Amino acid sequence: MSKRNQHVVPRDDLWAVRGAGAKRDTELFDRKQDAVDRAREIAQNQQTELVAHGQNGRIQSKDSHGKDPFPPKG
């Protein structure tokens, strides 16, 4: 399985989890929070990024679960 950033996107009256570049949705949910929770699990397992989109399709937030090449000091 290739590592892909996980996107949460609106799908009619549902919310979809979809890997970047994938042709099909991974899973569909009634609530956005449920989709975000599932996408976060996948992103953590694959060490990729979670990208949550709003109802208008625009990116609302990003959450990185990968290995940061430049970790902050402190």
PDB file of N, CA and C in Angstrom:
ATOM      1  N   MET A   1       0.840  -1.171   0.000  1.00  0.00           N
ATOM      2  CA  MET A   1       0.000   0.000   0.000  1.00  0.00           C
ATOM      3  C   MET A   1       0.891   1.241   0.000  1.00  0.00           C
ATOM      4  N   SER A   2       0.598   2.149  -0.907  1.00  0.00           N
ATOM      5  CA  SER A   2       1.421   3.354  -0.980  1.00  0.00           C
ATOM      6  C   SER A   2       0.950   4.358   0.065  1.00  0.00           C
ATOM      7  N   LYS A   3       1.858   5.206   0.474  1.00  0.00           N
ATOM      8  CA  LYS A   3       1.535   6.210   1.477  1.00  0.00           C
ATOM      9  C   LYS A   3       0.965   7.433   0.779  1.00  0.00           C
ATOM     10  N   ARG A   4      -0.226   7.816   1.169  1.00  0.00           N
ATOM     11  CA  ARG A   4      -0.884   8.968   0.577  1.00  0.00           C
ATOM     12  C   ARG A   4      -1.417   9.866   1.683  1.00  0.00           C
ATOM     13  N   ASN A   5      -1.345  11.168   1.451  1.00  0.00           N
ATOM     14  CA  ASN A   5      -2.000  12.073   2.380  1.00  0.00           C
ATOM     15  C   ASN A   5      -3.484  11.755   2.373  1.00  0.00           C
ATOM     16  N   GLN A   6      -4.120  11.861   3.534  1.00  0.00           N
ATOM     17  CA  GLN A   6      -5.536  11.550   3.666  1.00  0.00           C
ATOM     18  C   GLN A   6      -6.353  12.835   3.672  1.00  0.00           C
ATOM     19  N   HIS A   7      -7.347  12.880   2.800  1.00  0.00           N
ATOM     20  CA  HIS A   7      -8.203  14.058   2.680  1.00  0.00           C
ATOM     21  C   HIS A   7      -9.597  13.729   3.183  1.00  0.00           C
ATOM     22  N   VAL A   8     -10.200  14.686   3.903  1.00  0.00           N
ATOM     23  CA  VAL A   8     -11.602  14.603   4.296  1.00  0.00           C
ATOM     24  C   VAL A   8     -12.333  15.634   3.441  1.00  0.00           C
ATOM     25  N   VAL A   9     -13.273  15.147   2.621  1.00  0.00           N
ATOM     26  CA  VAL A   9     -13.943  16.014   1.653  1.00  0.00           C
ATOM     27  C   VAL A   9     -15.461  15.809   1.698  1.00  0.00           C
ATOM     28  N   PRO A  10     -16.227  16.866   1.368  1.00  0.00           N
ATOM     29  CA  PRO A  10     -17.686  16.715   1.341  1.00  0.00           C
ATOM     30  C   PRO A  10     -18.110  15.869   0.148  1.00  0.00           C
ATOM     31  N   ARG A  11     -19.138  15.048   0.360  1.00  0.00           N
ATOM     32  CA  ARG A  11     -19.652  14.171  -0.686  1.00  0.00           C
ATOM     33  C   ARG A  11     -21.175  14.166  -0.558  1.00  0.00           C
ATOM     34  N   ASP A  12     -21.871  15.027  -1.287  1.00  0.00           N
ATOM     35  CA  ASP A  12     -23.326  15.190  -1.139  1.00  0.00           C
ATOM     36  C   ASP A  12     -23.633  15.521   0.323  1.00  0.00           C
ATOM     37  N   ASP A  13     -24.401  14.691   1.009  1.00  0.00           N
ATOM     38  CA  ASP A  13     -24.721  14.954   2.420  1.00  0.00           C
ATOM     39  C   ASP A  13     -23.808  14.184   3.367  1.00  0.00           C
ATOM     40  N   LEU A  14     -22.727  13.632   2.836  1.00  0.00           N
ATOM     41  CA  LEU A  14     -21.801  12.818   3.630  1.00  0.00           C
ATOM     42  C   LEU A  14     -20.412  13.434   3.620  1.00  0.00           C
ATOM     43  N   TRP A  15     -19.506  12.803   4.376  1.00  0.00           N
ATOM     44  CA  TRP A  15     -18.097  13.194   4.396  1.00  0.00           C
ATOM     45  C   TRP A  15     -17.274  11.979   4.004  1.00  0.00           C
ATOM     46  N   ALA A  16     -16.322  12.176   3.105  1.00  0.00           N
ATOM     47  CA  ALA A  16     -15.510  11.072   2.598  1.00  0.00           C
ATOM     48  C   ALA A  16     -14.067  11.200   3.055  1.00  0.00           C
ATOM     49  N   VAL A  17     -13.455  10.048   3.297  1.00  0.00           N
ATOM     50  CA  VAL A  17     -12.016   9.954   3.506  1.00  0.00           C
ATOM     51  C   VAL A  17     -11.458   9.407   2.208  1.00  0.00           C
ATOM     52  N   ARG A  18     -10.466  10.109   1.662  1.00  0.00           N
ATOM     53  CA  ARG A  18      -9.894   9.687   0.387  1.00  0.00           C
ATOM     54  C   ARG A  18      -8.396   9.929   0.393  1.00  0.00           C
ATOM     55  N   GLY A  19      -7.635   8.932  -0.025  1.00  0.00           N
ATOM     56  CA  GLY A  19      -6.200   9.096  -0.170  1.00  0.00           C
ATOM     57  C   GLY A  19      -5.901   9.996  -1.362  1.00  0.00           C
ATOM     58  N   ALA A  20      -4.892  10.834  -1.252  1.00  0.00           N
ATOM     59  CA  ALA A  20      -4.522  11.741  -2.341  1.00  0.00           C
ATOM     60  C   ALA A  20      -4.265  10.956  -3.620  1.00  0.00           C
ATOM     61  N   GLY A  21      -4.895  11.388  -4.696  1.00  0.00           N
ATOM     62  CA  GLY A  21      -4.700  10.747  -5.985  1.00  0.00           C
ATOM     63  C   GLY A  21      -5.519   9.485  -6.192  1.00  0.00           C
ATOM     64  N   ALA A  22      -6.276   9.067  -5.178  1.00  0.00           N
ATOM     65  CA  ALA A  22      -7.088   7.847  -5.292  1.00  0.00           C
ATOM     66  C   ALA A  22      -8.302   8.105  -6.173  1.00  0.00           C
ATOM     67  N   LYS A  23      -8.741   7.063  -6.864  1.00  0.00           N
ATOM     68  CA  LYS A  23      -9.913   7.188  -7.726  1.00  0.00           C
ATOM     69  C   LYS A  23     -11.216   7.003  -6.956  1.00  0.00           C
ATOM     70  N   ARG A  24     -11.124   6.312  -5.795  1.00  0.00           N
ATOM     71  CA  ARG A  24     -12.326   6.037  -5.011  1.00  0.00           C
ATOM     72  C   ARG A  24     -12.141   6.489  -3.567  1.00  0.00           C
ATOM     73  N   ASP A  25     -13.260   6.795  -2.935  1.00  0.00           N
ATOM     74  CA  ASP A  25     -13.234   7.139  -1.513  1.00  0.00           C
ATOM     75  C   ASP A  25     -12.892   5.894  -0.705  1.00  0.00           C
ATOM     76  N   THR A  26     -12.172   6.094   0.394  1.00  0.00           N
ATOM     77  CA  THR A  26     -11.832   5.000   1.293  1.00  0.00           C
ATOM     78  C   THR A  26     -13.052   4.615   2.128  1.00  0.00           C
ATOM     79  N   GLU A  27     -13.694   5.621   2.723  1.00  0.00           N
ATOM     80  CA  GLU A  27     -14.879   5.406   3.555  1.00  0.00           C
ATOM     81  C   GLU A  27     -15.753   6.651   3.516  1.00  0.00           C
ATOM     82  N   LEU A  28     -17.056   6.466   3.789  1.00  0.00           N
ATOM     83  CA  LEU A  28     -18.003   7.577   3.882  1.00  0.00           C
ATOM     84  C   LEU A  28     -18.585   7.625   5.288  1.00  0.00           C
ATOM     85  N   PHE A  29     -18.853   8.849   5.769  1.00  0.00           N
ATOM     86  CA  PHE A  29     -19.380   9.041   7.115  1.00  0.00           C
ATOM     87  C   PHE A  29     -20.491  10.080   7.093  1.00  0.00           C
ATOM     88  N   ASP A  30     -21.418   9.952   8.050  1.00  0.00           N
ATOM     89  CA  ASP A  30     -22.494  10.939   8.195  1.00  0.00           C
ATOM     90  C   ASP A  30     -21.970  12.232   8.790  1.00  0.00           C
ATOM     91  N   ARG A  31     -21.007  12.105   9.708  1.00  0.00           N
ATOM     92  CA  ARG A  31     -20.478  13.284  10.403  1.00  0.00           C
ATOM     93  C   ARG A  31     -19.040  13.553   9.996  1.00  0.00           C
ATOM     94  N   LYS A  32     -18.715  14.832   9.848  1.00  0.00           N
ATOM     95  CA  LYS A  32     -17.350  15.215   9.468  1.00  0.00           C
ATOM     96  C   LYS A  32     -16.347  14.751  10.518  1.00  0.00           C
ATOM     97  N   GLN A  33     -16.683  14.885  11.799  1.00  0.00           N
ATOM     98  CA  GLN A  33     -15.735  14.512  12.858  1.00  0.00           C
ATOM     99  C   GLN A  33     -15.367  13.040  12.778  1.00  0.00           C
ATOM    100  N   ASP A  34     -16.341  12.191  12.437  1.00  0.00           N
ATOM    101  CA  ASP A  34     -16.053  10.763  12.298  1.00  0.00           C
ATOM    102  C   ASP A  34     -15.074  10.516  11.148  1.00  0.00           C
ATOM    103  N   ALA A  35     -15.259  11.257  10.057  1.00  0.00           N
ATOM    104  CA  ALA A  35     -14.356  11.127   8.909  1.00  0.00           C
ATOM    105  C   ALA A  35     -12.955  11.611   9.271  1.00  0.00           C
ATOM    106  N   VAL A  36     -12.871  12.723  10.001  1.00  0.00           N
ATOM    107  CA  VAL A  36     -11.577  13.258  10.432  1.00  0.00           C
ATOM    108  C   VAL A  36     -10.872  12.262  11.354  1.00  0.00           C
ATOM    109  N   ASP A  37     -11.620  11.672  12.271  1.00  0.00           N
ATOM    110  CA  ASP A  37     -11.021  10.696  13.196  1.00  0.00           C
ATOM    111  C   ASP A  37     -10.442   9.506  12.428  1.00  0.00           C
ATOM    112  N   ARG A  38     -11.186   8.998  11.456  1.00  0.00           N
ATOM    113  CA  ARG A  38     -10.713   7.850  10.665  1.00  0.00           C
ATOM    114  C   ARG A  38      -9.515   8.242   9.812  1.00  0.00           C
ATOM    115  N   ALA A  39      -9.577   9.412   9.180  1.00  0.00           N
ATOM    116  CA  ALA A  39      -8.461   9.878   8.355  1.00  0.00           C
ATOM    117  C   ALA A  39      -7.208  10.066   9.202  1.00  0.00           C
ATOM    118  N   ARG A  40      -7.378  10.525  10.440  1.00  0.00           N
ATOM    119  CA  ARG A  40      -6.234  10.712  11.341  1.00  0.00           C
ATOM    120  C   ARG A  40      -5.594   9.360  11.669  1.00  0.00           C
ATOM    121  N   GLU A  41      -6.417   8.344  11.916  1.00  0.00           N
ATOM    122  CA  GLU A  41      -5.883   6.998  12.175  1.00  0.00           C
ATOM    123  C   GLU A  41      -5.021   6.529  11.006  1.00  0.00           C
ATOM    124  N   ILE A  42      -5.548   6.690   9.808  1.00  0.00           N
ATOM    125  CA  ILE A  42      -4.819   6.246   8.611  1.00  0.00           C
ATOM    126  C   ILE A  42      -3.531   7.049   8.449  1.00  0.00           C
ATOM    127  N   ALA A  43      -3.622   8.372   8.611  1.00  0.00           N
ATOM    128  CA  ALA A  43      -2.445   9.236   8.459  1.00  0.00           C
ATOM    129  C   ALA A  43      -1.373   8.895   9.495  1.00  0.00           C
ATOM    130  N   GLN A  44      -1.795   8.590  10.718  1.00  0.00           N
ATOM    131  CA  GLN A  44      -0.826   8.215  11.752  1.00  0.00           C
ATOM    132  C   GLN A  44      -0.156   6.897  11.399  1.00  0.00           C
ATOM    133  N   ASN A  45      -0.930   5.932  10.946  1.00  0.00           N
ATOM    134  CA  ASN A  45      -0.376   4.627  10.567  1.00  0.00           C
ATOM    135  C   ASN A  45       0.597   4.734   9.404  1.00  0.00           C
ATOM    136  N   GLN A  46       0.279   5.590   8.448  1.00  0.00           N
ATOM    137  CA  GLN A  46       1.111   5.718   7.242  1.00  0.00           C
ATOM    138  C   GLN A  46       2.157   6.826   7.368  1.00  0.00           C
ATOM    139  N   GLN A  47       2.100   7.575   8.467  1.00  0.00           N
ATOM    140  CA  GLN A  47       2.993   8.715   8.685  1.00  0.00           C
ATOM    141  C   GLN A  47       2.888   9.705   7.529  1.00  0.00           C
ATOM    142  N   THR A  48       1.639  10.091   7.241  1.00  0.00           N
ATOM    143  CA  THR A  48       1.373  11.072   6.183  1.00  0.00           C
ATOM    144  C   THR A  48       0.608  12.238   6.789  1.00  0.00           C
ATOM    145  N   GLU A  49       0.006  13.054   5.943  1.00  0.00           N
ATOM    146  CA  GLU A  49      -0.685  14.243   6.409  1.00  0.00           C
ATOM    147  C   GLU A  49      -2.192  14.077   6.310  1.00  0.00           C
ATOM    148  N   LEU A  50      -2.905  14.674   7.247  1.00  0.00           N
ATOM    149  CA  LEU A  50      -4.364  14.741   7.217  1.00  0.00           C
ATOM    150  C   LEU A  50      -4.737  16.130   6.710  1.00  0.00           C
ATOM    151  N   VAL A  51      -5.564  16.188   5.670  1.00  0.00           N
ATOM    152  CA  VAL A  51      -5.997  17.460   5.099  1.00  0.00           C
ATOM    153  C   VAL A  51      -7.523  17.491   5.158  1.00  0.00           C
ATOM    154  N   ALA A  52      -8.075  18.386   5.989  1.00  0.00           N
ATOM    155  CA  ALA A  52      -9.523  18.499   6.137  1.00  0.00           C
ATOM    156  C   ALA A  52     -10.045  19.662   5.297  1.00  0.00           C
ATOM    157  N   HIS A  53     -11.054  19.373   4.496  1.00  0.00           N
ATOM    158  CA  HIS A  53     -11.674  20.380   3.636  1.00  0.00           C
ATOM    159  C   HIS A  53     -13.018  20.782   4.231  1.00  0.00           C
ATOM    160  N   GLY A  54     -13.449  22.002   3.936  1.00  0.00           N
ATOM    161  CA  GLY A  54     -14.760  22.472   4.384  1.00  0.00           C
ATOM    162  C   GLY A  54     -15.840  22.072   3.389  1.00  0.00           C
ATOM    163  N   GLN A  55     -17.073  22.453   3.688  1.00  0.00           N
ATOM    164  CA  GLN A  55     -18.212  22.138   2.828  1.00  0.00           C
ATOM    165  C   GLN A  55     -18.023  22.735   1.429  1.00  0.00           C
ATOM    166  N   ASN A  56     -17.291  23.854   1.336  1.00  0.00           N
ATOM    167  CA  ASN A  56     -17.044  24.502   0.046  1.00  0.00           C
ATOM    168  C   ASN A  56     -15.863  23.881  -0.704  1.00  0.00           C
ATOM    169  N   GLY A  57     -15.233  22.854  -0.113  1.00  0.00           N
ATOM    170  CA  GLY A  57     -14.120  22.182  -0.779  1.00  0.00           C
ATOM    171  C   GLY A  57     -12.752  22.772  -0.475  1.00  0.00           C
ATOM    172  N   ARG A  58     -12.721  23.948   0.135  1.00  0.00           N
ATOM    173  CA  ARG A  58     -11.434  24.576   0.456  1.00  0.00           C
ATOM    174  C   ARG A  58     -10.799  23.917   1.669  1.00  0.00           C
ATOM    175  N   ILE A  59      -9.467  23.907   1.672  1.00  0.00           N
ATOM    176  CA  ILE A  59      -8.734  23.322   2.797  1.00  0.00           C
ATOM    177  C   ILE A  59      -8.963  24.169   4.045  1.00  0.00           C
ATOM    178  N   GLN A  60      -9.366  23.488   5.137  1.00  0.00           N
ATOM    179  CA  GLN A  60      -9.574  24.170   6.410  1.00  0.00           C
ATOM    180  C   GLN A  60      -8.406  23.961   7.355  1.00  0.00           C
ATOM    181  N   SER A  61      -7.829  22.765   7.318  1.00  0.00           N
ATOM    182  CA  SER A  61      -6.713  22.498   8.232  1.00  0.00           C
ATOM    183  C   SER A  61      -5.859  21.363   7.699  1.00  0.00           C
ATOM    184  N   LYS A  62      -4.617  21.341   8.166  1.00  0.00           N
ATOM    185  CA  LYS A  62      -3.682  20.267   7.852  1.00  0.00           C
ATOM    186  C   LYS A  62      -3.063  19.806   9.153  1.00  0.00           C
ATOM    187  N   ASP A  63      -2.810  18.518   9.226  1.00  0.00           N
ATOM    188  CA  ASP A  63      -2.226  17.943  10.435  1.00  0.00           C
ATOM    189  C   ASP A  63      -1.212  16.889   9.994  1.00  0.00           C
ATOM    190  N   SER A  64       0.058  17.142  10.237  1.00  0.00           N
ATOM    191  CA  SER A  64       1.105  16.244   9.776  1.00  0.00           C
ATOM    192  C   SER A  64       1.359  15.129  10.779  1.00  0.00           C
ATOM    193  N   HIS A  65       1.395  13.913  10.272  1.00  0.00           N
ATOM    194  CA  HIS A  65       1.707  12.745  11.111  1.00  0.00           C
ATOM    195  C   HIS A  65       2.953  12.044  10.599  1.00  0.00           C
ATOM    196  N   GLY A  66       3.710  12.748   9.759  1.00  0.00           N
ATOM    197  CA  GLY A  66       4.929  12.167   9.219  1.00  0.00           C
ATOM    198  C   GLY A  66       6.125  12.506  10.063  1.00  0.00           C
ATOM    199  N   LYS A  67       7.267  12.079   9.609  1.00  0.00           N
ATOM    200  CA  LYS A  67       8.517  12.404  10.295  1.00  0.00           C
ATOM    201  C   LYS A  67       8.989  13.747   9.785  1.00  0.00           C
ATOM    202  N   ASP A  68       8.935  14.723  10.649  1.00  0.00           N
ATOM    203  CA  ASP A  68       9.323  16.081  10.275  1.00  0.00           C
ATOM    204  C   ASP A  68      10.844  16.136  10.104  1.00  0.00           C
ATOM    205  N   PRO A  69      11.309  16.496   8.891  1.00  0.00           N
ATOM    206  CA  PRO A  69      12.754  16.551   8.681  1.00  0.00           C
ATOM    207  C   PRO A  69      13.426  17.685   9.443  1.00  0.00           C
ATOM    208  N   PHE A  70      12.661  18.690   9.857  1.00  0.00           N
ATOM    209  CA  PHE A  70      13.211  19.817  10.582  1.00  0.00           C
ATOM    210  C   PHE A  70      12.414  20.043  11.867  1.00  0.00           C
ATOM    211  N   PRO A  71      12.599  19.175  12.857  1.00  0.00           N
ATOM    212  CA  PRO A  71      11.814  19.350  14.098  1.00  0.00           C
ATOM    213  C   PRO A  71      12.220  20.637  14.813  1.00  0.00           C
ATOM    214  N   PRO A  72      11.238  21.270  15.438  1.00  0.00           N
ATOM    215  CA  PRO A  72      11.574  22.503  16.165  1.00  0.00           C
ATOM    216  C   PRO A  72      12.454  22.211  17.369  1.00  0.00           C
ATOM    217  N   LYS A  73      13.306  23.177  17.695  1.00  0.00           N
ATOM    218  CA  LYS A  73      14.180  23.037  18.853  1.00  0.00           C
ATOM    219  C   LYS A  73      13.428  23.416  20.106  1.00  0.00           C
ATOM    220  N   GLY A  74      13.771  22.806  21.212  1.00  0.00           N
ATOM    221  CA  GLY A  74      13.184  23.228  22.456  1.00  0.00           C
ATOM    222  C   GLY A  74      12.603  22.109  23.191  1.00  0.00           C
TER     223      GLY A  74
END
